[in-house]
N, C-alpha and C. Protein backbone atom coordinates (compact mmCIF):
# COMPACT_ATOMS: atom_id res chain seq x y z
N MET A 1 122.85 105.54 98.02
CA MET A 1 122.74 106.85 98.65
C MET A 1 122.16 106.66 100.05
N GLU A 2 122.85 107.15 101.03
CA GLU A 2 122.41 106.97 102.41
C GLU A 2 121.70 108.24 102.92
N THR A 3 120.63 108.04 103.67
CA THR A 3 119.91 109.18 104.24
C THR A 3 120.69 109.71 105.43
N SER A 4 120.55 110.99 105.70
CA SER A 4 121.24 111.60 106.84
C SER A 4 120.33 111.55 108.07
N PRO A 5 120.92 111.63 109.27
CA PRO A 5 120.08 111.66 110.48
C PRO A 5 119.07 112.81 110.45
N LYS A 6 119.48 113.95 109.90
CA LYS A 6 118.57 115.10 109.82
C LYS A 6 117.39 114.77 108.90
N HIS A 7 117.67 114.14 107.78
CA HIS A 7 116.62 113.72 106.84
C HIS A 7 115.66 112.74 107.49
N ASP A 8 116.22 111.75 108.20
CA ASP A 8 115.39 110.74 108.88
C ASP A 8 114.51 111.37 109.96
N GLU A 9 115.07 112.33 110.69
CA GLU A 9 114.30 113.01 111.74
C GLU A 9 113.16 113.83 111.13
N LYS A 10 113.45 114.49 110.02
CA LYS A 10 112.42 115.29 109.35
C LYS A 10 111.25 114.40 108.92
N ILE A 11 111.57 113.24 108.37
CA ILE A 11 110.52 112.30 107.94
C ILE A 11 109.74 111.78 109.15
N ALA A 12 110.44 111.43 110.22
CA ALA A 12 109.79 110.90 111.42
C ALA A 12 108.80 111.89 112.01
N ASN A 13 109.11 113.18 111.94
CA ASN A 13 108.28 114.21 112.56
C ASN A 13 107.19 114.77 111.64
N MET A 14 107.25 114.42 110.36
CA MET A 14 106.24 114.87 109.41
C MET A 14 104.92 114.16 109.74
N THR A 15 103.82 114.89 109.68
CA THR A 15 102.53 114.25 109.99
C THR A 15 101.99 113.55 108.75
N PHE A 16 101.38 112.40 108.99
CA PHE A 16 100.75 111.67 107.89
C PHE A 16 99.65 112.53 107.28
N ALA A 17 98.91 113.25 108.13
CA ALA A 17 97.80 114.10 107.66
C ALA A 17 98.26 115.17 106.68
N SER A 18 99.50 115.62 106.80
CA SER A 18 100.01 116.65 105.88
C SER A 18 100.36 116.08 104.51
N VAL A 19 100.66 114.79 104.44
CA VAL A 19 101.06 114.15 103.19
C VAL A 19 99.88 113.48 102.49
N TYR A 20 98.94 112.99 103.28
CA TYR A 20 97.79 112.24 102.76
C TYR A 20 97.04 112.95 101.63
N PRO A 21 96.72 114.26 101.75
CA PRO A 21 96.01 114.93 100.64
C PRO A 21 96.82 114.90 99.34
N HIS A 22 98.14 114.94 99.44
CA HIS A 22 98.99 114.89 98.26
C HIS A 22 98.92 113.51 97.60
N TYR A 23 98.83 112.46 98.43
CA TYR A 23 98.66 111.11 97.89
C TYR A 23 97.34 111.03 97.11
N ILE A 24 96.27 111.56 97.69
CA ILE A 24 94.96 111.53 97.02
C ILE A 24 95.03 112.27 95.68
N THR A 25 95.56 113.48 95.72
CA THR A 25 95.68 114.29 94.51
C THR A 25 96.48 113.55 93.44
N LYS A 26 97.59 112.97 93.84
CA LYS A 26 98.47 112.28 92.89
C LYS A 26 97.76 111.12 92.20
N VAL A 27 97.06 110.29 92.97
CA VAL A 27 96.42 109.13 92.35
C VAL A 27 95.17 109.52 91.55
N GLU A 28 94.39 110.48 92.06
CA GLU A 28 93.18 110.88 91.36
C GLU A 28 93.49 111.60 90.04
N LYS A 29 94.59 112.35 90.04
CA LYS A 29 95.01 113.05 88.82
C LYS A 29 95.34 112.05 87.71
N LYS A 30 95.72 110.84 88.10
CA LYS A 30 96.08 109.80 87.14
C LYS A 30 94.95 108.78 86.91
N GLY A 31 93.73 109.13 87.39
CA GLY A 31 92.58 108.28 87.12
C GLY A 31 92.37 107.14 88.10
N ARG A 32 93.09 107.13 89.20
CA ARG A 32 92.88 106.10 90.23
C ARG A 32 91.99 106.70 91.31
N THR A 33 91.52 105.87 92.24
CA THR A 33 90.55 106.35 93.23
C THR A 33 91.11 106.39 94.65
N LYS A 34 90.42 107.14 95.48
CA LYS A 34 90.75 107.21 96.90
C LYS A 34 90.61 105.82 97.52
N GLU A 35 89.62 105.06 97.07
CA GLU A 35 89.40 103.70 97.59
C GLU A 35 90.59 102.80 97.27
N GLU A 36 91.14 102.95 96.07
CA GLU A 36 92.33 102.17 95.70
C GLU A 36 93.52 102.58 96.57
N LEU A 37 93.63 103.88 96.81
CA LEU A 37 94.70 104.36 97.69
C LEU A 37 94.55 103.74 99.07
N HIS A 38 93.34 103.72 99.60
CA HIS A 38 93.11 103.13 100.93
C HIS A 38 93.43 101.63 100.93
N GLN A 39 93.14 100.96 99.83
CA GLN A 39 93.46 99.54 99.73
C GLN A 39 94.98 99.33 99.81
N VAL A 40 95.73 100.18 99.15
CA VAL A 40 97.19 100.09 99.17
C VAL A 40 97.72 100.38 100.58
N ILE A 41 97.19 101.43 101.21
CA ILE A 41 97.63 101.78 102.56
C ILE A 41 97.29 100.66 103.54
N GLU A 42 96.10 100.09 103.40
CA GLU A 42 95.71 99.00 104.29
C GLU A 42 96.59 97.77 104.09
N TRP A 43 96.94 97.49 102.85
CA TRP A 43 97.82 96.35 102.57
C TRP A 43 99.16 96.52 103.29
N LEU A 44 99.72 97.73 103.23
CA LEU A 44 101.03 97.98 103.84
C LEU A 44 100.96 98.04 105.36
N THR A 45 99.92 98.71 105.89
CA THR A 45 99.91 99.05 107.33
C THR A 45 98.92 98.25 108.17
N GLY A 46 97.90 97.70 107.52
CA GLY A 46 96.84 97.03 108.25
C GLY A 46 95.74 97.98 108.71
N PHE A 47 95.86 99.27 108.41
CA PHE A 47 94.86 100.26 108.85
C PHE A 47 93.65 100.24 107.92
N ASN A 48 92.47 99.99 108.49
CA ASN A 48 91.25 100.12 107.70
C ASN A 48 90.90 101.61 107.60
N GLU A 49 89.85 101.91 106.88
CA GLU A 49 89.50 103.31 106.64
C GLU A 49 89.21 104.07 107.93
N ARG A 50 88.52 103.42 108.88
CA ARG A 50 88.19 104.07 110.15
C ARG A 50 89.46 104.42 110.94
N LYS A 51 90.37 103.47 111.03
CA LYS A 51 91.62 103.69 111.78
C LYS A 51 92.47 104.74 111.08
N LEU A 52 92.50 104.72 109.77
CA LEU A 52 93.26 105.70 109.00
C LEU A 52 92.74 107.10 109.28
N GLN A 53 91.41 107.25 109.28
CA GLN A 53 90.82 108.57 109.56
C GLN A 53 91.13 109.02 110.98
N GLU A 54 91.12 108.09 111.91
CA GLU A 54 91.45 108.42 113.31
C GLU A 54 92.88 108.95 113.40
N LEU A 55 93.81 108.33 112.72
CA LEU A 55 95.21 108.77 112.74
C LEU A 55 95.38 110.12 112.05
N ILE A 56 94.60 110.35 111.00
CA ILE A 56 94.63 111.65 110.32
C ILE A 56 94.09 112.72 111.25
N ASP A 57 92.96 112.44 111.90
CA ASP A 57 92.35 113.41 112.83
C ASP A 57 93.28 113.75 113.99
N LYS A 58 94.02 112.76 114.46
CA LYS A 58 94.97 112.98 115.57
C LYS A 58 96.27 113.64 115.11
N LYS A 59 96.42 113.77 113.80
CA LYS A 59 97.62 114.38 113.22
C LYS A 59 98.90 113.72 113.72
N VAL A 60 98.90 112.38 113.69
CA VAL A 60 100.09 111.65 114.14
C VAL A 60 101.23 111.83 113.13
N ASN A 61 102.46 111.80 113.65
CA ASN A 61 103.60 111.88 112.76
C ASN A 61 103.89 110.48 112.19
N PHE A 62 104.79 110.42 111.23
CA PHE A 62 105.08 109.13 110.60
C PHE A 62 105.66 108.12 111.60
N GLN A 63 106.40 108.61 112.58
CA GLN A 63 106.94 107.69 113.58
C GLN A 63 105.82 106.96 114.30
N THR A 64 104.84 107.70 114.79
CA THR A 64 103.70 107.11 115.49
C THR A 64 102.86 106.27 114.52
N PHE A 65 102.66 106.78 113.32
CA PHE A 65 101.88 106.08 112.29
C PHE A 65 102.42 104.67 112.08
N PHE A 66 103.73 104.55 111.89
CA PHE A 66 104.30 103.23 111.63
C PHE A 66 104.52 102.41 112.89
N GLN A 67 104.57 103.05 114.06
CA GLN A 67 104.63 102.28 115.31
C GLN A 67 103.31 101.55 115.52
N LYS A 68 102.22 102.18 115.11
CA LYS A 68 100.89 101.58 115.28
C LYS A 68 100.55 100.59 114.16
N ALA A 69 101.30 100.63 113.08
CA ALA A 69 101.02 99.78 111.92
C ALA A 69 101.48 98.35 112.14
N LYS A 70 100.79 97.45 111.46
CA LYS A 70 101.23 96.06 111.41
C LYS A 70 101.70 95.86 109.96
N LEU A 71 103.01 96.07 109.77
CA LEU A 71 103.57 96.06 108.43
C LEU A 71 103.37 94.72 107.74
N ASN A 72 102.94 94.78 106.50
CA ASN A 72 102.73 93.57 105.71
C ASN A 72 104.05 92.82 105.56
N PRO A 73 104.04 91.50 105.77
CA PRO A 73 105.28 90.72 105.64
C PRO A 73 105.92 90.80 104.25
N LYS A 74 105.11 91.15 103.24
CA LYS A 74 105.65 91.26 101.89
C LYS A 74 106.18 92.67 101.57
N ALA A 75 106.18 93.56 102.56
CA ALA A 75 106.62 94.94 102.33
C ALA A 75 108.05 95.00 101.78
N SER A 76 108.88 94.09 102.20
CA SER A 76 110.27 94.12 101.74
C SER A 76 110.39 93.82 100.24
N LEU A 77 109.30 93.36 99.62
CA LEU A 77 109.30 93.14 98.17
C LEU A 77 109.13 94.45 97.40
N VAL A 78 108.82 95.53 98.13
CA VAL A 78 108.71 96.85 97.51
C VAL A 78 110.14 97.35 97.31
N ARG A 79 110.53 97.47 96.06
CA ARG A 79 111.90 97.83 95.73
C ARG A 79 111.92 98.92 94.67
N GLY A 80 113.07 99.48 94.47
CA GLY A 80 113.23 100.49 93.44
C GLY A 80 113.69 101.80 94.02
N VAL A 81 113.64 102.83 93.20
CA VAL A 81 114.12 104.15 93.59
C VAL A 81 112.93 105.08 93.78
N ILE A 82 112.95 105.80 94.89
CA ILE A 82 111.93 106.81 95.16
C ILE A 82 112.63 108.00 95.80
N CYS A 83 112.37 109.18 95.31
CA CYS A 83 112.98 110.41 95.82
C CYS A 83 114.51 110.33 95.83
N GLY A 84 115.05 109.63 94.85
CA GLY A 84 116.50 109.53 94.73
C GLY A 84 117.16 108.48 95.61
N TYR A 85 116.38 107.72 96.34
CA TYR A 85 116.92 106.69 97.24
C TYR A 85 116.47 105.31 96.79
N ARG A 86 117.38 104.37 96.77
CA ARG A 86 117.04 102.97 96.51
C ARG A 86 116.46 102.42 97.81
N ILE A 87 115.20 102.05 97.80
CA ILE A 87 114.46 101.66 99.00
C ILE A 87 115.16 100.56 99.78
N GLU A 88 115.62 99.53 99.08
CA GLU A 88 116.21 98.39 99.78
C GLU A 88 117.55 98.71 100.43
N GLU A 89 118.13 99.88 100.13
CA GLU A 89 119.41 100.26 100.73
C GLU A 89 119.27 101.28 101.87
N ILE A 90 118.06 101.73 102.14
CA ILE A 90 117.84 102.72 103.21
C ILE A 90 118.07 102.04 104.56
N LYS A 91 118.93 102.64 105.38
CA LYS A 91 119.31 102.05 106.67
C LYS A 91 118.29 102.30 107.78
N SER A 92 117.66 103.46 107.77
CA SER A 92 116.68 103.81 108.80
C SER A 92 115.39 103.03 108.55
N PRO A 93 115.00 102.16 109.49
CA PRO A 93 113.76 101.38 109.29
C PRO A 93 112.53 102.26 109.06
N LEU A 94 112.42 103.36 109.79
CA LEU A 94 111.25 104.23 109.62
C LEU A 94 111.25 104.89 108.25
N THR A 95 112.37 105.45 107.86
CA THR A 95 112.46 106.09 106.54
C THR A 95 112.16 105.08 105.45
N GLN A 96 112.63 103.87 105.61
CA GLN A 96 112.36 102.83 104.63
C GLN A 96 110.86 102.54 104.53
N LYS A 97 110.17 102.48 105.66
CA LYS A 97 108.73 102.23 105.66
C LYS A 97 107.97 103.36 104.96
N VAL A 98 108.38 104.60 105.24
CA VAL A 98 107.73 105.74 104.58
C VAL A 98 107.95 105.66 103.07
N ARG A 99 109.14 105.28 102.67
CA ARG A 99 109.45 105.16 101.24
C ARG A 99 108.71 103.98 100.61
N TYR A 100 108.45 102.92 101.37
CA TYR A 100 107.59 101.84 100.86
C TYR A 100 106.24 102.44 100.47
N LEU A 101 105.68 103.23 101.37
CA LEU A 101 104.38 103.83 101.12
C LEU A 101 104.44 104.76 99.91
N ASP A 102 105.47 105.59 99.85
CA ASP A 102 105.63 106.50 98.71
C ASP A 102 105.69 105.72 97.39
N LYS A 103 106.44 104.64 97.39
CA LYS A 103 106.61 103.83 96.18
C LYS A 103 105.29 103.18 95.76
N LEU A 104 104.53 102.68 96.74
CA LEU A 104 103.24 102.07 96.43
C LEU A 104 102.27 103.10 95.84
N VAL A 105 102.26 104.30 96.40
CA VAL A 105 101.41 105.37 95.87
C VAL A 105 101.85 105.71 94.45
N ASP A 106 103.15 105.77 94.24
CA ASP A 106 103.71 106.03 92.91
C ASP A 106 103.25 104.97 91.90
N GLU A 107 103.36 103.71 92.29
CA GLU A 107 102.95 102.61 91.41
C GLU A 107 101.46 102.71 91.07
N LEU A 108 100.65 103.06 92.06
CA LEU A 108 99.22 103.22 91.85
C LEU A 108 98.96 104.34 90.84
N ALA A 109 99.62 105.47 91.05
CA ALA A 109 99.44 106.62 90.16
C ALA A 109 99.92 106.33 88.75
N LYS A 110 100.91 105.47 88.61
CA LYS A 110 101.44 105.15 87.28
C LYS A 110 100.62 104.10 86.56
N GLY A 111 99.53 103.64 87.18
CA GLY A 111 98.63 102.72 86.51
C GLY A 111 98.99 101.25 86.63
N ARG A 112 99.89 100.92 87.53
CA ARG A 112 100.27 99.51 87.71
C ARG A 112 99.06 98.72 88.21
N ALA A 113 98.96 97.49 87.80
CA ALA A 113 97.85 96.63 88.22
C ALA A 113 97.87 96.42 89.72
N MET A 114 96.71 96.43 90.34
CA MET A 114 96.60 96.30 91.79
C MET A 114 97.24 94.99 92.28
N GLU A 115 97.11 93.91 91.52
CA GLU A 115 97.71 92.63 91.94
C GLU A 115 99.22 92.76 92.08
N LYS A 116 99.84 93.53 91.19
CA LYS A 116 101.29 93.73 91.25
C LYS A 116 101.67 94.66 92.39
N ILE A 117 100.88 95.71 92.58
CA ILE A 117 101.16 96.65 93.68
C ILE A 117 101.10 95.93 95.01
N LEU A 118 100.12 95.06 95.16
CA LEU A 118 99.92 94.34 96.43
C LEU A 118 100.76 93.05 96.50
N ARG A 119 101.69 92.95 95.56
CA ARG A 119 102.67 91.84 95.54
C ARG A 119 102.00 90.47 95.61
N LYS A 120 100.91 90.31 94.84
CA LYS A 120 100.20 89.02 94.80
C LYS A 120 100.80 88.09 93.75
N GLU A 121 101.58 88.64 92.85
CA GLU A 121 102.19 87.82 91.79
C GLU A 121 103.65 87.63 92.06
C-alpha cells in the first residue's frame, strides 16, 4: 500500500507535540513508563530528554523533528505493519521515519522486551 502525497504532507506538517501526549497515554495505559518511552525515542532519534522537551516546547512539525534527528543506523530493522502500511514499503523517507516511531511505541505498549524494541538481539 503506497502513501499519497497528501497523506505524506499531512504527516510532515503534524506537530510532534500534538502526538506525544497520545504516545504517553498509550504506553502508560499498558503499564509502561514515560521513561521507557523516552528511551525508545532517544534510541531512534538521538534526542535526550532535554532536547525532546525543547522540540515539544517549540511545537516543531515531524519534518523538522526528523531533520534534527540522528536516526539510529538500526532503524531499518523496524518492520511490520502500522496504520495499514507495511513500513519497509513506504516510499516517503519522512513518513517511513514517523512510522518507525509509531511502531516502536506500539511494541512498547504491547509489552515487548526493551532489548527487542531497541534491536539489540
